[in-house]
Amino acid sequence: MSSFMDGNAGHNQIMVAEEDIHKIAFMCLGHIGAFEYIVRPFGLRNAGATYQRALNSVFHDMIGHSLEVYIDDVVIKSPEKGDHVSNL
């Protein structure tokens, strides 16, 4: 039995380092001033790798046994139906 979870907004919970906030600032036409991200937007070059590394560190003891992680997708797998709820 398998369950699939999509953590598509999970990357928005990774904070940007204080010294790097100014590096991803942006301006919008018609507005005065610049806007700065304090959490990682997904469009950055290594955002996927950073999120993958975060999930690997969180689930390190379950990966390969009852769980698989690929960027923002998590698969929970169980050989027996009765074990699936505890794996979740």
PDB file of N, CA and C in Angstrom:
ATOM      1  N   MET A   1       0.853  -1.164   0.000  1.00  0.00           N
ATOM      2  CA  MET A   1       0.000   0.000   0.000  1.00  0.00           C
ATOM      3  C   MET A   1       0.902   1.230   0.000  1.00  0.00           C
ATOM      4  N   SER A   2       0.500   2.264  -0.732  1.00  0.00           N
ATOM      5  CA  SER A   2       1.302   3.487  -0.836  1.00  0.00           C
ATOM      6  C   SER A   2       0.434   4.715  -0.653  1.00  0.00           C
ATOM      7  N   SER A   3       1.019   5.741  -0.072  1.00  0.00           N
ATOM      8  CA  SER A   3       0.387   7.062   0.021  1.00  0.00           C
ATOM      9  C   SER A   3       1.369   8.075  -0.526  1.00  0.00           C
ATOM     10  N   PHE A   4       0.850   9.045  -1.245  1.00  0.00           N
ATOM     11  CA  PHE A   4       1.674  10.076  -1.851  1.00  0.00           C
ATOM     12  C   PHE A   4       1.325  11.422  -1.252  1.00  0.00           C
ATOM     13  N   MET A   5       2.343  12.194  -0.898  1.00  0.00           N
ATOM     14  CA  MET A   5       2.139  13.544  -0.367  1.00  0.00           C
ATOM     15  C   MET A   5       2.965  14.527  -1.186  1.00  0.00           C
ATOM     16  N   ASP A   6       2.384  15.670  -1.440  1.00  0.00           N
ATOM     17  CA  ASP A   6       3.060  16.708  -2.201  1.00  0.00           C
ATOM     18  C   ASP A   6       3.312  17.897  -1.283  1.00  0.00           C
ATOM     19  N   GLY A   7       4.568  18.202  -1.061  1.00  0.00           N
ATOM     20  CA  GLY A   7       4.927  19.327  -0.200  1.00  0.00           C
ATOM     21  C   GLY A   7       5.246  20.561  -1.018  1.00  0.00           C
ATOM     22  N   ASN A   8       4.357  20.932  -1.934  1.00  0.00           N
ATOM     23  CA  ASN A   8       4.653  22.008  -2.886  1.00  0.00           C
ATOM     24  C   ASN A   8       4.884  23.360  -2.224  1.00  0.00           C
ATOM     25  N   ALA A   9       4.387  23.596  -1.026  1.00  0.00           N
ATOM     26  CA  ALA A   9       4.615  24.879  -0.358  1.00  0.00           C
ATOM     27  C   ALA A   9       5.605  24.747   0.791  1.00  0.00           C
ATOM     28  N   GLY A  10       6.173  23.568   0.973  1.00  0.00           N
ATOM     29  CA  GLY A  10       7.106  23.360   2.070  1.00  0.00           C
ATOM     30  C   GLY A  10       8.383  24.163   1.942  1.00  0.00           C
ATOM     31  N   HIS A  11       8.822  24.416   0.723  1.00  0.00           N
ATOM     32  CA  HIS A  11      10.047  25.190   0.532  1.00  0.00           C
ATOM     33  C   HIS A  11       9.893  26.611   1.034  1.00  0.00           C
ATOM     34  N   ASN A  12       8.662  27.102   1.168  1.00  0.00           N
ATOM     35  CA  ASN A  12       8.434  28.449   1.680  1.00  0.00           C
ATOM     36  C   ASN A  12       8.667  28.549   3.183  1.00  0.00           C
ATOM     37  N   GLN A  13       9.005  27.457   3.835  1.00  0.00           N
ATOM     38  CA  GLN A  13       9.268  27.481   5.264  1.00  0.00           C
ATOM     39  C   GLN A  13      10.758  27.496   5.579  1.00  0.00           C
ATOM     40  N   ILE A  14      11.598  27.524   4.568  1.00  0.00           N
ATOM     41  CA  ILE A  14      13.049  27.583   4.772  1.00  0.00           C
ATOM     42  C   ILE A  14      13.462  29.050   4.725  1.00  0.00           C
ATOM     43  N   MET A  15      14.007  29.510   5.828  1.00  0.00           N
ATOM     44  CA  MET A  15      14.377  30.922   5.950  1.00  0.00           C
ATOM     45  C   MET A  15      15.622  31.234   5.113  1.00  0.00           C
ATOM     46  N   VAL A  16      15.670  32.463   4.590  1.00  0.00           N
ATOM     47  CA  VAL A  16      16.848  32.952   3.890  1.00  0.00           C
ATOM     48  C   VAL A  16      17.817  33.487   4.941  1.00  0.00           C
ATOM     49  N   ALA A  17      19.097  33.214   4.779  1.00  0.00           N
ATOM     50  CA  ALA A  17      20.098  33.741   5.707  1.00  0.00           C
ATOM     51  C   ALA A  17      20.057  35.266   5.689  1.00  0.00           C
ATOM     52  N   GLU A  18      20.210  35.857   6.857  1.00  0.00           N
ATOM     53  CA  GLU A  18      20.126  37.319   7.002  1.00  0.00           C
ATOM     54  C   GLU A  18      21.052  38.056   6.039  1.00  0.00           C
ATOM     55  N   GLU A  19      22.262  37.534   5.844  1.00  0.00           N
ATOM     56  CA  GLU A  19      23.227  38.211   4.972  1.00  0.00           C
ATOM     57  C   GLU A  19      22.907  38.040   3.487  1.00  0.00           C
ATOM     58  N   ASP A  20      21.944  37.181   3.131  1.00  0.00           N
ATOM     59  CA  ASP A  20      21.606  36.937   1.734  1.00  0.00           C
ATOM     60  C   ASP A  20      20.275  37.554   1.301  1.00  0.00           C
ATOM     61  N   ILE A  21      19.538  38.157   2.217  1.00  0.00           N
ATOM     62  CA  ILE A  21      18.218  38.706   1.883  1.00  0.00           C
ATOM     63  C   ILE A  21      18.320  39.756   0.782  1.00  0.00           C
ATOM     64  N   HIS A  22      19.315  40.617   0.830  1.00  0.00           N
ATOM     65  CA  HIS A  22      19.436  41.676  -0.179  1.00  0.00           C
ATOM     66  C   HIS A  22      19.741  41.128  -1.574  1.00  0.00           C
ATOM     67  N   LYS A  23      20.245  39.901  -1.666  1.00  0.00           N
ATOM     68  CA  LYS A  23      20.613  39.315  -2.962  1.00  0.00           C
ATOM     69  C   LYS A  23      19.410  38.896  -3.797  1.00  0.00           C
ATOM     70  N   ILE A  24      18.253  38.687  -3.160  1.00  0.00           N
ATOM     71  CA  ILE A  24      17.070  38.277  -3.918  1.00  0.00           C
ATOM     72  C   ILE A  24      15.952  39.311  -3.817  1.00  0.00           C
ATOM     73  N   ALA A  25      16.343  40.570  -3.594  1.00  0.00           N
ATOM     74  CA  ALA A  25      15.360  41.658  -3.563  1.00  0.00           C
ATOM     75  C   ALA A  25      14.879  41.937  -4.987  1.00  0.00           C
ATOM     76  N   PHE A  26      13.660  42.470  -5.118  1.00  0.00           N
ATOM     77  CA  PHE A  26      13.109  42.782  -6.431  1.00  0.00           C
ATOM     78  C   PHE A  26      12.233  44.026  -6.337  1.00  0.00           C
ATOM     79  N   MET A  27      11.992  44.648  -7.472  1.00  0.00           N
ATOM     80  CA  MET A  27      11.143  45.834  -7.550  1.00  0.00           C
ATOM     81  C   MET A  27       9.995  45.551  -8.506  1.00  0.00           C
ATOM     82  N   CYS A  28       8.847  46.161  -8.251  1.00  0.00           N
ATOM     83  CA  CYS A  28       7.684  46.046  -9.128  1.00  0.00           C
ATOM     84  C   CYS A  28       7.412  47.401  -9.763  1.00  0.00           C
ATOM     85  N   LEU A  29       7.024  47.387 -11.023  1.00  0.00           N
ATOM     86  CA  LEU A  29       6.695  48.633 -11.699  1.00  0.00           C
ATOM     87  C   LEU A  29       5.516  49.308 -11.006  1.00  0.00           C
ATOM     88  N   GLY A  30       5.603  50.603 -10.819  1.00  0.00           N
ATOM     89  CA  GLY A  30       4.514  51.347 -10.206  1.00  0.00           C
ATOM     90  C   GLY A  30       4.572  51.407  -8.696  1.00  0.00           C
ATOM     91  N   HIS A  31       5.547  50.762  -8.083  1.00  0.00           N
ATOM     92  CA  HIS A  31       5.695  50.792  -6.634  1.00  0.00           C
ATOM     93  C   HIS A  31       7.026  51.432  -6.266  1.00  0.00           C
ATOM     94  N   ILE A  32       7.044  52.070  -5.147  1.00  0.00           N
ATOM     95  CA  ILE A  32       8.273  52.688  -4.668  1.00  0.00           C
ATOM     96  C   ILE A  32       8.937  51.733  -3.686  1.00  0.00           C
ATOM     97  N   GLY A  33      10.215  51.484  -3.886  1.00  0.00           N
ATOM     98  CA  GLY A  33      10.957  50.633  -2.974  1.00  0.00           C
ATOM     99  C   GLY A  33      11.170  49.239  -3.526  1.00  0.00           C
ATOM    100  N   ALA A  34      11.893  48.459  -2.737  1.00  0.00           N
ATOM    101  CA  ALA A  34      12.214  47.087  -3.112  1.00  0.00           C
ATOM    102  C   ALA A  34      11.547  46.130  -2.127  1.00  0.00           C
ATOM    103  N   PHE A  35      11.257  44.951  -2.605  1.00  0.00           N
ATOM    104  CA  PHE A  35      10.682  43.901  -1.777  1.00  0.00           C
ATOM    105  C   PHE A  35      11.752  42.844  -1.546  1.00  0.00           C
ATOM    106  N   GLU A  36      11.791  42.298  -0.350  1.00  0.00           N
ATOM    107  CA  GLU A  36      12.797  41.295  -0.022  1.00  0.00           C
ATOM    108  C   GLU A  36      12.119  40.040   0.514  1.00  0.00           C
ATOM    109  N   TYR A  37      12.591  38.889   0.046  1.00  0.00           N
ATOM    110  CA  TYR A  37      12.107  37.617   0.567  1.00  0.00           C
ATOM    111  C   TYR A  37      12.790  37.337   1.900  1.00  0.00           C
ATOM    112  N   ILE A  38      12.051  36.823   2.864  1.00  0.00           N
ATOM    113  CA  ILE A  38      12.667  36.342   4.099  1.00  0.00           C
ATOM    114  C   ILE A  38      12.623  34.813   4.153  1.00  0.00           C
ATOM    115  N   VAL A  39      11.846  34.199   3.258  1.00  0.00           N
ATOM    116  CA  VAL A  39      11.843  32.750   3.084  1.00  0.00           C
ATOM    117  C   VAL A  39      12.248  32.450   1.646  1.00  0.00           C
ATOM    118  N   ARG A  40      12.744  31.252   1.402  1.00  0.00           N
ATOM    119  CA  ARG A  40      13.247  30.899   0.072  1.00  0.00           C
ATOM    120  C   ARG A  40      12.127  30.772  -0.949  1.00  0.00           C
ATOM    121  N   PRO A  41      12.165  31.557  -2.024  1.00  0.00           N
ATOM    122  CA  PRO A  41      11.240  31.315  -3.125  1.00  0.00           C
ATOM    123  C   PRO A  41      11.730  30.114  -3.928  1.00  0.00           C
ATOM    124  N   PHE A  42      10.824  29.373  -4.547  1.00  0.00           N
ATOM    125  CA  PHE A  42      11.212  28.143  -5.233  1.00  0.00           C
ATOM    126  C   PHE A  42      11.944  28.401  -6.543  1.00  0.00           C
ATOM    127  N   GLY A  43      11.856  29.571  -7.093  1.00  0.00           N
ATOM    128  CA  GLY A  43      12.472  29.842  -8.385  1.00  0.00           C
ATOM    129  C   GLY A  43      13.977  30.024  -8.360  1.00  0.00           C
ATOM    130  N   LEU A  44      14.597  29.997  -7.200  1.00  0.00           N
ATOM    131  CA  LEU A  44      16.047  30.142  -7.144  1.00  0.00           C
ATOM    132  C   LEU A  44      16.737  28.911  -7.706  1.00  0.00           C
ATOM    133  N   ARG A  45      17.962  29.087  -8.139  1.00  0.00           N
ATOM    134  CA  ARG A  45      18.688  28.032  -8.835  1.00  0.00           C
ATOM    135  C   ARG A  45      18.786  26.737  -8.028  1.00  0.00           C
ATOM    136  N   ASN A  46      19.149  26.803  -6.764  1.00  0.00           N
ATOM    137  CA  ASN A  46      19.338  25.577  -5.991  1.00  0.00           C
ATOM    138  C   ASN A  46      18.245  25.359  -4.957  1.00  0.00           C
ATOM    139  N   ALA A  47      17.064  25.927  -5.167  1.00  0.00           N
ATOM    140  CA  ALA A  47      15.968  25.774  -4.205  1.00  0.00           C
ATOM    141  C   ALA A  47      15.534  24.317  -4.082  1.00  0.00           C
ATOM    142  N   GLY A  48      15.473  23.606  -5.170  1.00  0.00           N
ATOM    143  CA  GLY A  48      15.078  22.199  -5.124  1.00  0.00           C
ATOM    144  C   GLY A  48      16.074  21.358  -4.343  1.00  0.00           C
ATOM    145  N   ALA A  49      17.358  21.596  -4.560  1.00  0.00           N
ATOM    146  CA  ALA A  49      18.390  20.843  -3.842  1.00  0.00           C
ATOM    147  C   ALA A  49      18.375  21.176  -2.357  1.00  0.00           C
ATOM    148  N   THR A  50      18.142  22.431  -2.026  1.00  0.00           N
ATOM    149  CA  THR A  50      18.079  22.834  -0.619  1.00  0.00           C
ATOM    150  C   THR A  50      16.900  22.177   0.073  1.00  0.00           C
ATOM    151  N   TYR A  51      15.753  22.134  -0.586  1.00  0.00           N
ATOM    152  CA  TYR A  51      14.568  21.502  -0.005  1.00  0.00           C
ATOM    153  C   TYR A  51      14.768  19.995   0.114  1.00  0.00           C
ATOM    154  N   GLN A  52      15.369  19.377  -0.894  1.00  0.00           N
ATOM    155  CA  GLN A  52      15.666  17.946  -0.841  1.00  0.00           C
ATOM    156  C   GLN A  52      16.568  17.640   0.349  1.00  0.00           C
ATOM    157  N   ARG A  53      17.600  18.454   0.555  1.00  0.00           N
ATOM    158  CA  ARG A  53      18.523  18.247   1.670  1.00  0.00           C
ATOM    159  C   ARG A  53      17.804  18.400   3.009  1.00  0.00           C
ATOM    160  N   ALA A  54      16.881  19.353   3.114  1.00  0.00           N
ATOM    161  CA  ALA A  54      16.116  19.551   4.351  1.00  0.00           C
ATOM    162  C   ALA A  54      15.241  18.331   4.646  1.00  0.00           C
ATOM    163  N   LEU A  55      14.534  17.821   3.632  1.00  0.00           N
ATOM    164  CA  LEU A  55      13.690  16.645   3.842  1.00  0.00           C
ATOM    165  C   LEU A  55      14.521  15.401   4.149  1.00  0.00           C
ATOM    166  N   ASN A  56      15.675  15.271   3.522  1.00  0.00           N
ATOM    167  CA  ASN A  56      16.544  14.137   3.821  1.00  0.00           C
ATOM    168  C   ASN A  56      17.004  14.164   5.274  1.00  0.00           C
ATOM    169  N   SER A  57      17.293  15.346   5.803  1.00  0.00           N
ATOM    170  CA  SER A  57      17.732  15.424   7.197  1.00  0.00           C
ATOM    171  C   SER A  57      16.583  15.167   8.166  1.00  0.00           C
ATOM    172  N   VAL A  58      15.361  15.557   7.793  1.00  0.00           N
ATOM    173  CA  VAL A  58      14.205  15.324   8.661  1.00  0.00           C
ATOM    174  C   VAL A  58      13.835  13.842   8.691  1.00  0.00           C
ATOM    175  N   PHE A  59      13.814  13.197   7.528  1.00  0.00           N
ATOM    176  CA  PHE A  59      13.356  11.814   7.416  1.00  0.00           C
ATOM    177  C   PHE A  59      14.495  10.806   7.273  1.00  0.00           C
ATOM    178  N   HIS A  60      15.703  11.136   7.705  1.00  0.00           N
ATOM    179  CA  HIS A  60      16.866  10.290   7.441  1.00  0.00           C
ATOM    180  C   HIS A  60      16.716   8.861   7.949  1.00  0.00           C
ATOM    181  N   ASP A  61      16.018   8.653   9.062  1.00  0.00           N
ATOM    182  CA  ASP A  61      15.904   7.304   9.600  1.00  0.00           C
ATOM    183  C   ASP A  61      14.801   6.480   8.937  1.00  0.00           C
ATOM    184  N   MET A  62      13.935   7.107   8.154  1.00  0.00           N
ATOM    185  CA  MET A  62      12.827   6.394   7.504  1.00  0.00           C
ATOM    186  C   MET A  62      13.059   6.161   6.013  1.00  0.00           C
ATOM    187  N   ILE A  63      13.958   6.932   5.405  1.00  0.00           N
ATOM    188  CA  ILE A  63      14.206   6.816   3.965  1.00  0.00           C
ATOM    189  C   ILE A  63      14.780   5.440   3.661  1.00  0.00           C
ATOM    190  N   GLY A  64      14.191   4.775   2.698  1.00  0.00           N
ATOM    191  CA  GLY A  64      14.619   3.446   2.291  1.00  0.00           C
ATOM    192  C   GLY A  64      13.857   2.317   2.969  1.00  0.00           C
ATOM    193  N   HIS A  65      13.187   2.616   4.071  1.00  0.00           N
ATOM    194  CA  HIS A  65      12.415   1.591   4.775  1.00  0.00           C
ATOM    195  C   HIS A  65      10.933   1.730   4.449  1.00  0.00           C
ATOM    196  N   SER A  66      10.339   2.832   4.892  1.00  0.00           N
ATOM    197  CA  SER A  66       8.905   3.029   4.664  1.00  0.00           C
ATOM    198  C   SER A  66       8.620   4.333   3.941  1.00  0.00           C
ATOM    199  N   LEU A  67       9.657   5.049   3.520  1.00  0.00           N
ATOM    200  CA  LEU A  67       9.457   6.376   2.953  1.00  0.00           C
ATOM    201  C   LEU A  67      10.494   6.648   1.874  1.00  0.00           C
ATOM    202  N   GLU A  68      10.072   7.346   0.826  1.00  0.00           N
ATOM    203  CA  GLU A  68      10.975   7.826  -0.224  1.00  0.00           C
ATOM    204  C   GLU A  68      10.673   9.297  -0.457  1.00  0.00           C
ATOM    205  N   VAL A  69      11.710  10.078  -0.714  1.00  0.00           N
ATOM    206  CA  VAL A  69      11.556  11.523  -0.916  1.00  0.00           C
ATOM    207  C   VAL A  69      12.219  11.909  -2.224  1.00  0.00           C
ATOM    208  N   TYR A  70      11.510  12.686  -3.046  1.00  0.00           N
ATOM    209  CA  TYR A  70      12.110  13.283  -4.238  1.00  0.00           C
ATOM    210  C   TYR A  70      11.642  14.724  -4.317  1.00  0.00           C
ATOM    211  N   ILE A  71      12.519  15.646  -4.011  1.00  0.00           N
ATOM    212  CA  ILE A  71      12.306  17.089  -3.938  1.00  0.00           C
ATOM    213  C   ILE A  71      11.099  17.396  -3.057  1.00  0.00           C
ATOM    214  N   ASP A  72       9.911  17.606  -3.623  1.00  0.00           N
ATOM    215  CA  ASP A  72       8.760  17.941  -2.777  1.00  0.00           C
ATOM    216  C   ASP A  72       7.712  16.834  -2.734  1.00  0.00           C
ATOM    217  N   ASP A  73       8.045  15.667  -3.252  1.00  0.00           N
ATOM    218  CA  ASP A  73       7.119  14.539  -3.239  1.00  0.00           C
ATOM    219  C   ASP A  73       7.595  13.489  -2.244  1.00  0.00           C
ATOM    220  N   VAL A  74       6.674  13.027  -1.406  1.00  0.00           N
ATOM    221  CA  VAL A  74       6.980  12.022  -0.392  1.00  0.00           C
ATOM    222  C   VAL A  74       6.061  10.823  -0.627  1.00  0.00           C
ATOM    223  N   VAL A  75       6.639   9.629  -0.662  1.00  0.00           N
ATOM    224  CA  VAL A  75       5.885   8.394  -0.829  1.00  0.00           C
ATOM    225  C   VAL A  75       6.072   7.559   0.431  1.00  0.00           C
ATOM    226  N   ILE A  76       4.964   7.200   1.066  1.00  0.00           N
ATOM    227  CA  ILE A  76       4.989   6.300   2.218  1.00  0.00           C
ATOM    228  C   ILE A  76       4.498   4.954   1.726  1.00  0.00           C
ATOM    229  N   LYS A  77       5.287   3.912   1.963  1.00  0.00           N
ATOM    230  CA  LYS A  77       4.950   2.591   1.444  1.00  0.00           C
ATOM    231  C   LYS A  77       4.941   1.583   2.590  1.00  0.00           C
ATOM    232  N   SER A  78       4.038   0.626   2.474  1.00  0.00           N
ATOM    233  CA  SER A  78       3.897  -0.419   3.491  1.00  0.00           C
ATOM    234  C   SER A  78       3.610  -1.748   2.805  1.00  0.00           C
ATOM    235  N   PRO A  79       4.287  -2.814   3.225  1.00  0.00           N
ATOM    236  CA  PRO A  79       4.014  -4.116   2.628  1.00  0.00           C
ATOM    237  C   PRO A  79       2.675  -4.679   3.093  1.00  0.00           C
ATOM    238  N   GLU A  80       2.234  -4.336   4.286  1.00  0.00           N
ATOM    239  CA  GLU A  80       0.974  -4.812   4.840  1.00  0.00           C
ATOM    240  C   GLU A  80       0.024  -3.643   5.052  1.00  0.00           C
ATOM    241  N   LYS A  81      -1.245  -3.852   4.751  1.00  0.00           N
ATOM    242  CA  LYS A  81      -2.247  -2.804   4.919  1.00  0.00           C
ATOM    243  C   LYS A  81      -2.348  -2.350   6.373  1.00  0.00           C
ATOM    244  N   GLY A  82      -2.234  -3.256   7.329  1.00  0.00           N
ATOM    245  CA  GLY A  82      -2.342  -2.927   8.740  1.00  0.00           C
ATOM    246  C   GLY A  82      -1.212  -2.052   9.255  1.00  0.00           C
ATOM    247  N   ASP A  83      -0.040  -2.108   8.610  1.00  0.00           N
ATOM    248  CA  ASP A  83       1.116  -1.306   9.023  1.00  0.00           C
ATOM    249  C   ASP A  83       1.101   0.109   8.445  1.00  0.00           C
ATOM    250  N   HIS A  84       0.235   0.346   7.487  1.00  0.00           N
ATOM    251  CA  HIS A  84       0.296   1.612   6.763  1.00  0.00           C
ATOM    252  C   HIS A  84      -0.035   2.812   7.634  1.00  0.00           C
ATOM    253  N   VAL A  85      -1.008   2.689   8.500  1.00  0.00           N
ATOM    254  CA  VAL A  85      -1.393   3.824   9.352  1.00  0.00           C
ATOM    255  C   VAL A  85      -0.236   4.190  10.288  1.00  0.00           C
ATOM    256  N   SER A  86       0.452   3.221  10.842  1.00  0.00           N
ATOM    257  CA  SER A  86       1.583   3.521  11.717  1.00  0.00           C
ATOM    258  C   SER A  86       2.745   4.121  10.940  1.00  0.00           C
ATOM    259  N   ASN A  87       2.942   3.726   9.681  1.00  0.00           N
ATOM    260  CA  ASN A  87       3.985   4.328   8.853  1.00  0.00           C
ATOM    261  C   ASN A  87       3.662   5.762   8.501  1.00  0.00           C
ATOM    262  N   LEU A  88       2.386   6.044   8.303  1.00  0.00           N
ATOM    263  CA  LEU A  88       1.985   7.425   8.041  1.00  0.00           C
ATOM    264  C   LEU A  88       2.245   8.278   9.256  1.00  0.00           C
TER     265      LEU A  88
END
